[in-house]
Amino acid sequence: MQGMYATGIISIINLIIILVLLGFFIYGFVLFVKLAKRGIKALDIYINEKNNNKL
């Protein structure tokens, strides 16, 4: 009976750890997408400035 109880607690702890890691992954992915959008915008501004200077 004690072994089953310990196994249940360990599985709950594992589930919590997996959910926390999934949350970190989603948060990191959102931050990466925001960073990529800013980088694309900065690159567009840079390209426009370079093209306007050549004209």
PDB file of N, CA and C in Angstrom:
ATOM      1  N   MET A   1       0.821  -1.197   0.000  1.00  0.00           N
ATOM      2  CA  MET A   1       0.000   0.000   0.000  1.00  0.00           C
ATOM      3  C   MET A   1       0.864   1.259   0.000  1.00  0.00           C
ATOM      4  N   GLN A   2       1.959   1.226   0.733  1.00  0.00           N
ATOM      5  CA  GLN A   2       2.844   2.385   0.789  1.00  0.00           C
ATOM      6  C   GLN A   2       3.485   2.649  -0.576  1.00  0.00           C
ATOM      7  N   GLY A   3       3.839   1.607  -1.291  1.00  0.00           N
ATOM      8  CA  GLY A   3       4.476   1.763  -2.595  1.00  0.00           C
ATOM      9  C   GLY A   3       3.552   2.423  -3.599  1.00  0.00           C
ATOM     10  N   MET A   4       2.269   2.081  -3.560  1.00  0.00           N
ATOM     11  CA  MET A   4       1.312   2.683  -4.479  1.00  0.00           C
ATOM     12  C   MET A   4       1.137   4.165  -4.176  1.00  0.00           C
ATOM     13  N   TYR A   5       1.134   4.523  -2.906  1.00  0.00           N
ATOM     14  CA  TYR A   5       0.974   5.917  -2.502  1.00  0.00           C
ATOM     15  C   TYR A   5       2.172   6.746  -2.971  1.00  0.00           C
ATOM     16  N   ALA A   6       3.379   6.201  -2.799  1.00  0.00           N
ATOM     17  CA  ALA A   6       4.590   6.903  -3.223  1.00  0.00           C
ATOM     18  C   ALA A   6       4.621   7.046  -4.744  1.00  0.00           C
ATOM     19  N   THR A   7       4.189   6.030  -5.451  1.00  0.00           N
ATOM     20  CA  THR A   7       4.155   6.091  -6.909  1.00  0.00           C
ATOM     21  C   THR A   7       3.184   7.173  -7.378  1.00  0.00           C
ATOM     22  N   GLY A   8       2.060   7.299  -6.703  1.00  0.00           N
ATOM     23  CA  GLY A   8       1.088   8.339  -7.052  1.00  0.00           C
ATOM     24  C   GLY A   8       1.653   9.731  -6.854  1.00  0.00           C
ATOM     25  N   ILE A   9       2.363   9.927  -5.754  1.00  0.00           N
ATOM     26  CA  ILE A   9       2.960  11.239  -5.488  1.00  0.00           C
ATOM     27  C   ILE A   9       4.026  11.558  -6.529  1.00  0.00           C
ATOM     28  N   ILE A  10       4.846  10.568  -6.860  1.00  0.00           N
ATOM     29  CA  ILE A  10       5.902  10.789  -7.858  1.00  0.00           C
ATOM     30  C   ILE A  10       5.294  11.125  -9.216  1.00  0.00           C
ATOM     31  N   SER A  11       4.205  10.458  -9.576  1.00  0.00           N
ATOM     32  CA  SER A  11       3.589  10.744 -10.873  1.00  0.00           C
ATOM     33  C   SER A  11       2.975  12.145 -10.889  1.00  0.00           C
ATOM     34  N   ILE A  12       2.431  12.590  -9.765  1.00  0.00           N
ATOM     35  CA  ILE A  12       1.883  13.949  -9.693  1.00  0.00           C
ATOM     36  C   ILE A  12       3.011  14.970  -9.814  1.00  0.00           C
ATOM     37  N   ILE A  13       4.129  14.711  -9.145  1.00  0.00           N
ATOM     38  CA  ILE A  13       5.281  15.615  -9.236  1.00  0.00           C
ATOM     39  C   ILE A  13       5.798  15.663 -10.673  1.00  0.00           C
ATOM     40  N   ASN A  14       5.877  14.512 -11.321  1.00  0.00           N
ATOM     41  CA  ASN A  14       6.312  14.477 -12.726  1.00  0.00           C
ATOM     42  C   ASN A  14       5.362  15.269 -13.620  1.00  0.00           C
ATOM     43  N   LEU A  15       4.068  15.145 -13.388  1.00  0.00           N
ATOM     44  CA  LEU A  15       3.083  15.881 -14.177  1.00  0.00           C
ATOM     45  C   LEU A  15       3.259  17.383 -13.981  1.00  0.00           C
ATOM     46  N   ILE A  16       3.478  17.810 -12.744  1.00  0.00           N
ATOM     47  CA  ILE A  16       3.690  19.235 -12.469  1.00  0.00           C
ATOM     48  C   ILE A  16       4.947  19.730 -13.175  1.00  0.00           C
ATOM     49  N   ILE A  17       6.018  18.951 -13.117  1.00  0.00           N
ATOM     50  CA  ILE A  17       7.269  19.344 -13.775  1.00  0.00           C
ATOM     51  C   ILE A  17       7.069  19.457 -15.279  1.00  0.00           C
ATOM     52  N   ILE A  18       6.362  18.512 -15.871  1.00  0.00           N
ATOM     53  CA  ILE A  18       6.109  18.543 -17.313  1.00  0.00           C
ATOM     54  C   ILE A  18       5.285  19.773 -17.684  1.00  0.00           C
ATOM     55  N   LEU A  19       4.265  20.092 -16.891  1.00  0.00           N
ATOM     56  CA  LEU A  19       3.439  21.261 -17.182  1.00  0.00           C
ATOM     57  C   LEU A  19       4.233  22.555 -17.050  1.00  0.00           C
ATOM     58  N   VAL A  20       5.103  22.636 -16.041  1.00  0.00           N
ATOM     59  CA  VAL A  20       5.942  23.829 -15.872  1.00  0.00           C
ATOM     60  C   VAL A  20       6.894  23.979 -17.056  1.00  0.00           C
ATOM     61  N   LEU A  21       7.519  22.887 -17.471  1.00  0.00           N
ATOM     62  CA  LEU A  21       8.427  22.946 -18.617  1.00  0.00           C
ATOM     63  C   LEU A  21       7.681  23.322 -19.897  1.00  0.00           C
ATOM     64  N   LEU A  22       6.475  22.814 -20.058  1.00  0.00           N
ATOM     65  CA  LEU A  22       5.665  23.179 -21.219  1.00  0.00           C
ATOM     66  C   LEU A  22       5.341  24.670 -21.197  1.00  0.00           C
ATOM     67  N   GLY A  23       5.025  25.192 -20.018  1.00  0.00           N
ATOM     68  CA  GLY A  23       4.765  26.624 -19.879  1.00  0.00           C
ATOM     69  C   GLY A  23       5.983  27.456 -20.233  1.00  0.00           C
ATOM     70  N   PHE A  24       7.178  27.027 -19.767  1.00  0.00           N
ATOM     71  CA  PHE A  24       8.413  27.729 -20.114  1.00  0.00           C
ATOM     72  C   PHE A  24       8.659  27.688 -21.616  1.00  0.00           C
ATOM     73  N   PHE A  25       8.389  26.549 -22.233  1.00  0.00           N
ATOM     74  CA  PHE A  25       8.588  26.419 -23.674  1.00  0.00           C
ATOM     75  C   PHE A  25       7.674  27.377 -24.435  1.00  0.00           C
ATOM     76  N   ILE A  26       6.409  27.427 -24.056  1.00  0.00           N
ATOM     77  CA  ILE A  26       5.460  28.309 -24.741  1.00  0.00           C
ATOM     78  C   ILE A  26       5.859  29.771 -24.541  1.00  0.00           C
ATOM     79  N   TYR A  27       6.245  30.135 -23.312  1.00  0.00           N
ATOM     80  CA  TYR A  27       6.667  31.505 -23.022  1.00  0.00           C
ATOM     81  C   TYR A  27       7.910  31.873 -23.836  1.00  0.00           C
ATOM     82  N   GLY A  28       8.868  30.976 -23.893  1.00  0.00           N
ATOM     83  CA  GLY A  28      10.077  31.223 -24.671  1.00  0.00           C
ATOM     84  C   GLY A  28       9.780  31.353 -26.153  1.00  0.00           C
ATOM     85  N   PHE A  29       8.865  30.544 -26.650  1.00  0.00           N
ATOM     86  CA  PHE A  29       8.497  30.622 -28.062  1.00  0.00           C
ATOM     87  C   PHE A  29       7.835  31.956 -28.379  1.00  0.00           C
ATOM     88  N   VAL A  30       6.967  32.428 -27.483  1.00  0.00           N
ATOM     89  CA  VAL A  30       6.315  33.729 -27.684  1.00  0.00           C
ATOM     90  C   VAL A  30       7.358  34.839 -27.699  1.00  0.00           C
ATOM     91  N   LEU A  31       8.313  34.789 -26.771  1.00  0.00           N
ATOM     92  CA  LEU A  31       9.373  35.799 -26.746  1.00  0.00           C
ATOM     93  C   LEU A  31      10.212  35.742 -28.022  1.00  0.00           C
ATOM     94  N   PHE A  32      10.491  34.544 -28.507  1.00  0.00           N
ATOM     95  CA  PHE A  32      11.263  34.401 -29.742  1.00  0.00           C
ATOM     96  C   PHE A  32      10.516  34.999 -30.930  1.00  0.00           C
ATOM     97  N   VAL A  33       9.215  34.784 -31.004  1.00  0.00           N
ATOM     98  CA  VAL A  33       8.425  35.334 -32.106  1.00  0.00           C
ATOM     99  C   VAL A  33       8.430  36.860 -32.045  1.00  0.00           C
ATOM    100  N   LYS A  34       8.290  37.411 -30.822  1.00  0.00           N
ATOM    101  CA  LYS A  34       8.340  38.872 -30.687  1.00  0.00           C
ATOM    102  C   LYS A  34       9.696  39.412 -31.124  1.00  0.00           C
ATOM    103  N   LEU A  35      10.766  38.736 -30.730  1.00  0.00           N
ATOM    104  CA  LEU A  35      12.111  39.159 -31.115  1.00  0.00           C
ATOM    105  C   LEU A  35      12.288  39.083 -32.629  1.00  0.00           C
ATOM    106  N   ALA A  36      11.785  38.035 -33.241  1.00  0.00           N
ATOM    107  CA  ALA A  36      11.902  37.883 -34.690  1.00  0.00           C
ATOM    108  C   ALA A  36      11.140  38.992 -35.416  1.00  0.00           C
ATOM    109  N   LYS A  37       9.953  39.342 -34.913  1.00  0.00           N
ATOM    110  CA  LYS A  37       9.181  40.417 -35.536  1.00  0.00           C
ATOM    111  C   LYS A  37       9.919  41.742 -35.441  1.00  0.00           C
ATOM    112  N   ARG A  38      10.549  42.009 -34.284  1.00  0.00           N
ATOM    113  CA  ARG A  38      11.321  43.246 -34.132  1.00  0.00           C
ATOM    114  C   ARG A  38      12.527  43.242 -35.067  1.00  0.00           C
ATOM    115  N   GLY A  39      13.172  42.102 -35.193  1.00  0.00           N
ATOM    116  CA  GLY A  39      14.327  42.007 -36.079  1.00  0.00           C
ATOM    117  C   GLY A  39      13.949  42.241 -37.526  1.00  0.00           C
ATOM    118  N   ILE A  40      12.825  41.693 -37.942  1.00  0.00           N
ATOM    119  CA  ILE A  40      12.361  41.890 -39.318  1.00  0.00           C
ATOM    120  C   ILE A  40      12.029  43.360 -39.555  1.00  0.00           C
ATOM    121  N   LYS A  41      11.370  43.991 -38.573  1.00  0.00           N
ATOM    122  CA  LYS A  41      11.037  45.406 -38.712  1.00  0.00           C
ATOM    123  C   LYS A  41      12.308  46.254 -38.796  1.00  0.00           C
ATOM    124  N   ALA A  42      13.295  45.956 -37.949  1.00  0.00           N
ATOM    125  CA  ALA A  42      14.555  46.704 -37.976  1.00  0.00           C
ATOM    126  C   ALA A  42      15.277  46.497 -39.305  1.00  0.00           C
ATOM    127  N   LEU A  43      15.245  45.287 -39.819  1.00  0.00           N
ATOM    128  CA  LEU A  43      15.883  45.010 -41.108  1.00  0.00           C
ATOM    129  C   LEU A  43      15.177  45.749 -42.240  1.00  0.00           C
ATOM    130  N   ASP A  44      13.855  45.820 -42.188  1.00  0.00           N
ATOM    131  CA  ASP A  44      13.114  46.572 -43.206  1.00  0.00           C
ATOM    132  C   ASP A  44      13.479  48.053 -43.161  1.00  0.00           C
ATOM    133  N   ILE A  45      13.580  48.618 -41.959  1.00  0.00           N
ATOM    134  CA  ILE A  45      13.958  50.026 -41.821  1.00  0.00           C
ATOM    135  C   ILE A  45      15.361  50.244 -42.373  1.00  0.00           C
ATOM    136  N   TYR A  46      16.269  49.349 -42.045  1.00  0.00           N
ATOM    137  CA  TYR A  46      17.653  49.462 -42.522  1.00  0.00           C
ATOM    138  C   TYR A  46      17.712  49.403 -44.051  1.00  0.00           C
ATOM    139  N   ILE A  47      16.985  48.478 -44.637  1.00  0.00           N
ATOM    140  CA  ILE A  47      16.982  48.338 -46.102  1.00  0.00           C
ATOM    141  C   ILE A  47      16.382  49.579 -46.753  1.00  0.00           C
ATOM    142  N   ASN A  48      15.287  50.100 -46.187  1.00  0.00           N
ATOM    143  CA  ASN A  48      14.672  51.310 -46.747  1.00  0.00           C
ATOM    144  C   ASN A  48      15.616  52.501 -46.669  1.00  0.00           C
ATOM    145  N   GLU A  49      16.329  52.644 -45.548  1.00  0.00           N
ATOM    146  CA  GLU A  49      17.282  53.753 -45.423  1.00  0.00           C
ATOM    147  C   GLU A  49      18.414  53.616 -46.437  1.00  0.00           C
ATOM    148  N   LYS A  50      18.914  52.422 -46.628  1.00  0.00           N
ATOM    149  CA  LYS A  50      20.001  52.215 -47.588  1.00  0.00           C
ATOM    150  C   LYS A  50      19.537  52.486 -49.018  1.00  0.00           C
ATOM    151  N   ASN A  51      18.314  52.078 -49.342  1.00  0.00           N
ATOM    152  CA  ASN A  51      17.793  52.301 -50.693  1.00  0.00           C
ATOM    153  C   ASN A  51      17.513  53.777 -50.942  1.00  0.00           C
ATOM    154  N   ASN A  52      17.040  54.496 -49.934  1.00  0.00           N
ATOM    155  CA  ASN A  52      16.755  55.922 -50.095  1.00  0.00           C
ATOM    156  C   ASN A  52      18.041  56.724 -50.248  1.00  0.00           C
ATOM    157  N   ASN A  53      19.111  56.311 -49.598  1.00  0.00           N
ATOM    158  CA  ASN A  53      20.386  57.021 -49.714  1.00  0.00           C
ATOM    159  C   ASN A  53      20.991  56.847 -51.104  1.00  0.00           C
ATOM    160  N   LYS A  54      20.765  55.720 -51.745  1.00  0.00           N
ATOM    161  CA  LYS A  54      21.324  55.468 -53.074  1.00  0.00           C
ATOM    162  C   LYS A  54      20.594  56.271 -54.145  1.00  0.00           C
ATOM    163  N   LEU A  55      19.320  56.562 -53.907  1.00  0.00           N
ATOM    164  CA  LEU A  55      18.553  57.320 -54.896  1.00  0.00           C
ATOM    165  C   LEU A  55      18.936  58.764 -54.779  1.00  0.00           C
TER     166      LEU A  55
END
